Protein backbone atom coordinates (compact mmCIF):
# COMPACT_ATOMS: atom_id res chain seq x y z
CA MET A 1 134.67 103.73 82.54
CA ASN A 2 132.06 105.55 80.69
CA GLN A 3 133.35 108.93 79.33
CA ASP A 4 130.34 110.75 80.85
CA MET A 5 131.23 109.35 84.19
CA GLN A 6 134.91 110.55 84.17
CA PRO A 7 135.84 113.96 85.69
CA ALA A 8 136.04 116.55 82.82
CA ALA A 9 139.77 117.25 83.41
CA GLU A 10 140.57 113.54 83.10
CA ASN A 11 138.60 112.92 79.98
CA ALA A 12 140.23 115.96 78.42
CA ALA A 13 143.71 114.73 79.42
CA ILE A 14 143.25 111.29 78.07
CA HIS A 15 141.99 112.89 74.62
CA SER A 16 145.08 115.05 74.67
CA ALA A 17 147.50 112.25 75.16
CA LEU A 18 145.66 110.04 72.60
CA TYR A 19 145.76 112.62 69.86
CA ALA A 20 149.40 113.22 70.41
CA LEU A 21 150.05 109.57 70.37
CA PHE A 22 148.16 109.13 67.03
CA ALA A 23 150.14 111.98 65.63
CA GLU A 24 153.21 110.08 66.54
CA ALA A 25 151.78 106.77 64.89
CA PHE A 26 151.12 108.50 61.55
CA ALA A 27 154.83 109.84 61.30
CA TYR A 28 157.26 108.27 58.83
CA PRO A 29 158.02 104.79 60.41
CA ARG A 30 161.73 104.86 61.06
CA GLY A 31 164.11 104.80 64.14
CA GLU A 32 162.39 104.83 67.47
CA LEU A 33 158.86 104.85 65.97
CA LEU A 34 159.48 101.76 63.85
CA ASN A 35 161.01 100.00 66.93
CA ALA A 36 157.99 100.93 69.09
CA ILE A 37 155.79 99.55 66.31
CA ARG A 38 157.64 96.30 66.02
CA SER A 39 158.03 95.69 69.77
CA GLY A 40 154.29 96.28 70.41
CA ASP A 41 155.06 99.32 72.64
CA LEU A 42 152.93 101.63 70.44
CA ALA A 43 150.01 99.35 70.33
CA GLN A 44 150.10 98.94 74.04
CA ARG A 45 150.18 102.66 74.69
CA LEU A 46 147.30 103.15 72.29
CA GLN A 47 145.33 100.42 73.99
CA SER A 48 146.02 101.82 77.43
CA TRP A 49 144.56 105.29 76.40
CA VAL A 50 141.62 104.02 74.49
CA ASP A 51 140.77 101.59 77.27
CA ARG A 52 140.44 104.60 79.70
CA LEU A 53 137.84 106.15 77.33
CA GLY A 54 135.56 103.13 77.47
CA PRO A 55 135.14 99.57 76.44
CA ALA A 56 132.86 100.35 73.42
CA LEU A 57 135.90 101.83 71.71
CA THR A 58 138.08 98.76 72.15
CA ARG A 59 135.65 96.22 70.79
CA GLY A 60 136.80 94.40 67.63
CA VAL A 61 140.21 96.29 67.59
CA ASP A 62 143.06 94.16 66.21
CA TRP A 63 145.77 95.30 68.61
CA ALA A 64 148.10 92.82 67.12
CA ALA A 65 147.82 94.49 63.74
CA LEU A 66 149.03 97.73 65.29
CA ALA A 67 152.34 95.74 66.06
CA ASP A 68 152.51 94.27 62.54
CA ALA A 69 155.32 96.25 60.59
CA GLY A 70 155.56 93.62 57.91
CA ASP A 71 158.04 90.84 57.36
CA ARG A 72 161.07 92.94 56.43
CA ASP A 73 162.61 96.08 58.14
CA GLU A 74 161.86 98.19 55.01
CA ALA A 75 158.29 96.99 54.65
CA LEU A 76 156.47 99.42 56.72
CA PRO A 77 158.47 102.59 55.40
CA ALA A 78 157.90 101.36 51.67
CA GLU A 79 154.19 101.15 52.63
CA PHE A 80 154.06 104.65 53.98
CA THR A 81 155.70 105.90 50.79
CA ARG A 82 153.30 103.99 48.62
CA LEU A 83 150.11 104.99 50.55
CA PHE A 84 150.81 108.49 51.74
CA ASP A 85 153.94 110.16 50.30
CA PRO A 86 153.12 112.80 47.70
CA GLY A 87 156.54 112.18 45.94
CA THR A 88 156.25 113.08 42.32
CA SER A 89 152.63 112.12 41.98
CA ALA A 90 149.39 112.00 44.01
CA PRO A 91 149.40 109.27 46.53
CA PRO A 92 146.35 107.03 46.67
CA CYS A 93 145.51 108.00 50.34
CA SER A 94 146.86 111.49 50.94
CA LEU A 95 147.24 112.59 54.54
CA HIS A 96 146.17 116.11 53.46
CA GLY A 97 142.58 116.78 54.27
CA GLY A 98 142.33 119.43 51.49
CA LEU A 99 143.07 116.62 48.94
CA HIS A 100 139.94 114.84 50.14
CA VAL A 101 137.37 117.68 50.63
CA GLY A 102 139.08 120.56 48.67
CA PRO A 103 139.75 122.85 47.23
CA GLN A 104 142.89 122.54 49.17
CA MET A 105 143.74 126.12 49.34
CA ILE A 106 140.25 126.86 50.91
CA THR A 107 140.54 123.88 53.25
CA MET A 108 143.88 125.24 54.53
CA GLU A 109 142.63 128.75 55.00
CA GLU A 110 139.90 127.35 57.18
CA VAL A 111 142.17 125.22 59.12
CA LEU A 112 144.52 128.15 59.70
CA ARG A 113 141.57 130.28 61.04
CA PHE A 114 141.08 127.47 63.67
CA TYR A 115 144.84 127.63 64.55
CA HIS A 116 145.03 131.50 64.69
CA HIS A 117 141.88 131.75 66.88
CA PHE A 118 143.51 129.71 69.63
CA GLY A 119 146.80 131.70 69.10
CA LEU A 120 148.71 129.01 67.16
CA ALA A 121 150.43 128.93 63.83
CA PRO A 122 152.32 126.14 62.05
CA ALA A 123 156.02 125.97 62.91
CA ALA A 124 158.19 128.08 60.66
CA ASP A 125 160.37 125.06 59.83
CA SER A 126 157.37 122.63 59.09
CA ARG A 127 157.53 121.08 55.87
CA GLU A 128 153.80 120.07 56.09
CA THR A 129 150.83 122.12 55.05
CA PRO A 130 148.38 123.10 57.65
CA ASP A 131 145.77 120.57 56.64
CA HIS A 132 148.20 117.78 57.10
CA LEU A 133 146.83 114.94 59.58
CA SER A 134 149.87 115.34 61.82
CA SER A 135 149.20 119.13 62.20
CA GLU A 136 145.47 118.50 62.82
CA LEU A 137 146.01 115.84 65.44
CA GLU A 138 148.49 118.09 67.17
CA PHE A 139 146.01 120.84 67.18
CA LEU A 140 143.36 118.43 68.76
CA HIS A 141 146.04 117.59 71.35
CA VAL A 142 146.50 121.23 72.19
CA LEU A 143 142.89 121.87 72.41
CA ALA A 144 142.22 118.97 74.81
CA PHE A 145 145.20 119.93 76.86
CA GLY A 146 143.94 123.51 77.12
CA GLU A 147 140.50 122.14 78.28
CA ALA A 148 142.12 119.95 80.83
CA ASP A 149 144.11 122.70 82.23
CA LEU A 150 141.10 124.95 82.67
CA CYS A 151 139.07 122.32 84.26
CA SER A 152 141.78 121.48 86.75
CA ARG A 153 141.81 125.15 87.72
CA GLY A 154 138.03 125.48 87.91
CA GLU A 155 137.60 127.76 85.01
CA ASP A 156 135.34 127.42 82.01
CA PRO A 157 136.67 125.29 79.25
CA THR A 158 133.73 125.66 76.79
CA SER A 159 135.65 127.58 74.07
CA TYR A 160 138.25 124.80 73.93
CA ARG A 161 135.35 122.11 73.78
CA LEU A 162 133.63 124.16 71.03
CA GLY A 163 136.77 124.50 69.03
CA ARG A 164 137.47 120.76 69.33
CA ARG A 165 133.82 119.83 68.35
CA ASP A 166 133.74 122.24 65.25
CA PHE A 167 137.25 121.23 64.09
CA ILE A 168 136.68 117.53 64.19
CA ALA A 169 133.37 117.97 62.38
CA ARG A 170 134.78 120.16 59.60
CA HIS A 171 138.24 118.66 59.16
CA PRO A 172 139.57 115.11 60.41
CA GLY A 173 136.14 113.77 61.34
CA ARG A 174 134.90 114.80 57.80
CA TRP A 175 137.88 113.48 55.60
CA ILE A 176 139.30 110.53 57.52
CA PRO A 177 136.32 108.23 56.56
CA LEU A 178 136.95 109.21 52.86
CA MET A 179 140.59 108.45 53.26
CA ARG A 180 139.85 105.19 54.92
CA ALA A 181 137.57 104.09 52.11
CA LYS A 182 140.48 104.82 49.68
CA LEU A 183 142.84 102.92 52.04
CA GLY A 184 140.51 99.77 51.71
CA GLN A 185 141.10 99.65 48.02
CA GLN A 186 144.96 99.48 48.39
CA ASN A 187 145.26 96.33 50.46
CA PRO A 188 147.38 98.07 53.04
CA LEU A 189 149.62 96.46 55.58
CA PRO A 190 147.55 95.54 58.80
CA TYR A 191 149.20 98.39 60.79
CA TYR A 192 147.79 101.15 58.64
CA ALA A 193 144.39 99.50 57.98
CA GLN A 194 143.91 99.27 61.83
CA LEU A 195 145.36 102.63 62.75
CA VAL A 196 143.16 104.52 60.41
CA GLU A 197 140.01 102.67 61.52
CA LEU A 198 140.87 103.34 65.07
CA LEU A 199 141.47 106.94 64.56
CA GLU A 200 138.11 107.24 62.67
CA ARG A 201 136.38 105.50 65.72
CA CYS A 202 138.02 107.68 68.35
CA LEU A 203 137.19 110.91 66.40
CA ALA A 204 133.48 109.94 65.89
CA ALA A 205 133.20 109.09 69.56
CA ASP A 206 134.85 112.32 70.71
CA LEU A 207 132.62 114.27 68.42
CA GLY A 208 129.57 112.51 69.67
CA GLN A 209 130.44 113.23 73.24
CA LEU A 210 131.05 116.97 72.56
CA GLU A 211 127.85 117.32 70.55
CA ALA A 212 125.89 115.63 73.28
CA ARG A 213 127.03 118.21 75.67
CA HIS A 214 127.06 121.27 73.55
CA GLY A 215 124.83 120.64 70.48
CA MET A 216 125.58 119.80 66.94
CA ALA A 217 128.68 121.24 65.45
CA SER A 218 128.52 124.06 62.94
CA LEU A 219 129.59 123.18 59.41
CA ASP A 220 129.57 126.69 58.33
CA PRO A 221 133.37 127.69 58.04
CA HIS A 222 132.58 131.30 59.02
CA ARG A 223 130.93 130.29 62.28
CA SER A 224 133.12 127.23 63.25
CA VAL A 225 135.64 129.08 65.30
CA SER A 226 133.19 131.21 67.33
CA ALA A 227 132.98 130.30 71.06
């Protein structure tokens, strides 16, 4: 089904679930997550949600790659550490947006303005900085969920849509392509190569739909969180 033909509440709910699932997929691969990847369950869930957004997003996706955790139990955790974990030195493909489009402190301040504008703040016990991919995806999940809720109650969801549009344009939609280019130089395991490509594709499609409805996103950090 074309996104523009879906009821607004349904479309927002799909995006909300998909962003939450991407956040799960980018976590350190151990326990239940590693089992879900190896069994193909995670790939099936991703495919199910992406399919509901439209066939264009599914073309050329290697779903089998999203179930490829390597030939050893420790292969994918080791790959996550090699590619993404800061450890004692800078990783080649950081999951922190500010390390791609920095300075990081300024990027984190911008991200926090978005969070605070919608009454949110990083969890007190979080070990990640606000510009970490998992935090940004969870924020998009919340914005899409808020939109779906307002739509279902017949209220105006424009503030949530504008927030999502501007946040994608200024943050993950801006730095994920840079990170994917770096990832391509690292000969990554198929799981991460396909996961990052799929995320980039979904972010671009979501941004395109939002801009078609509400105009181009503002790239001015001082205007981005205005409704």
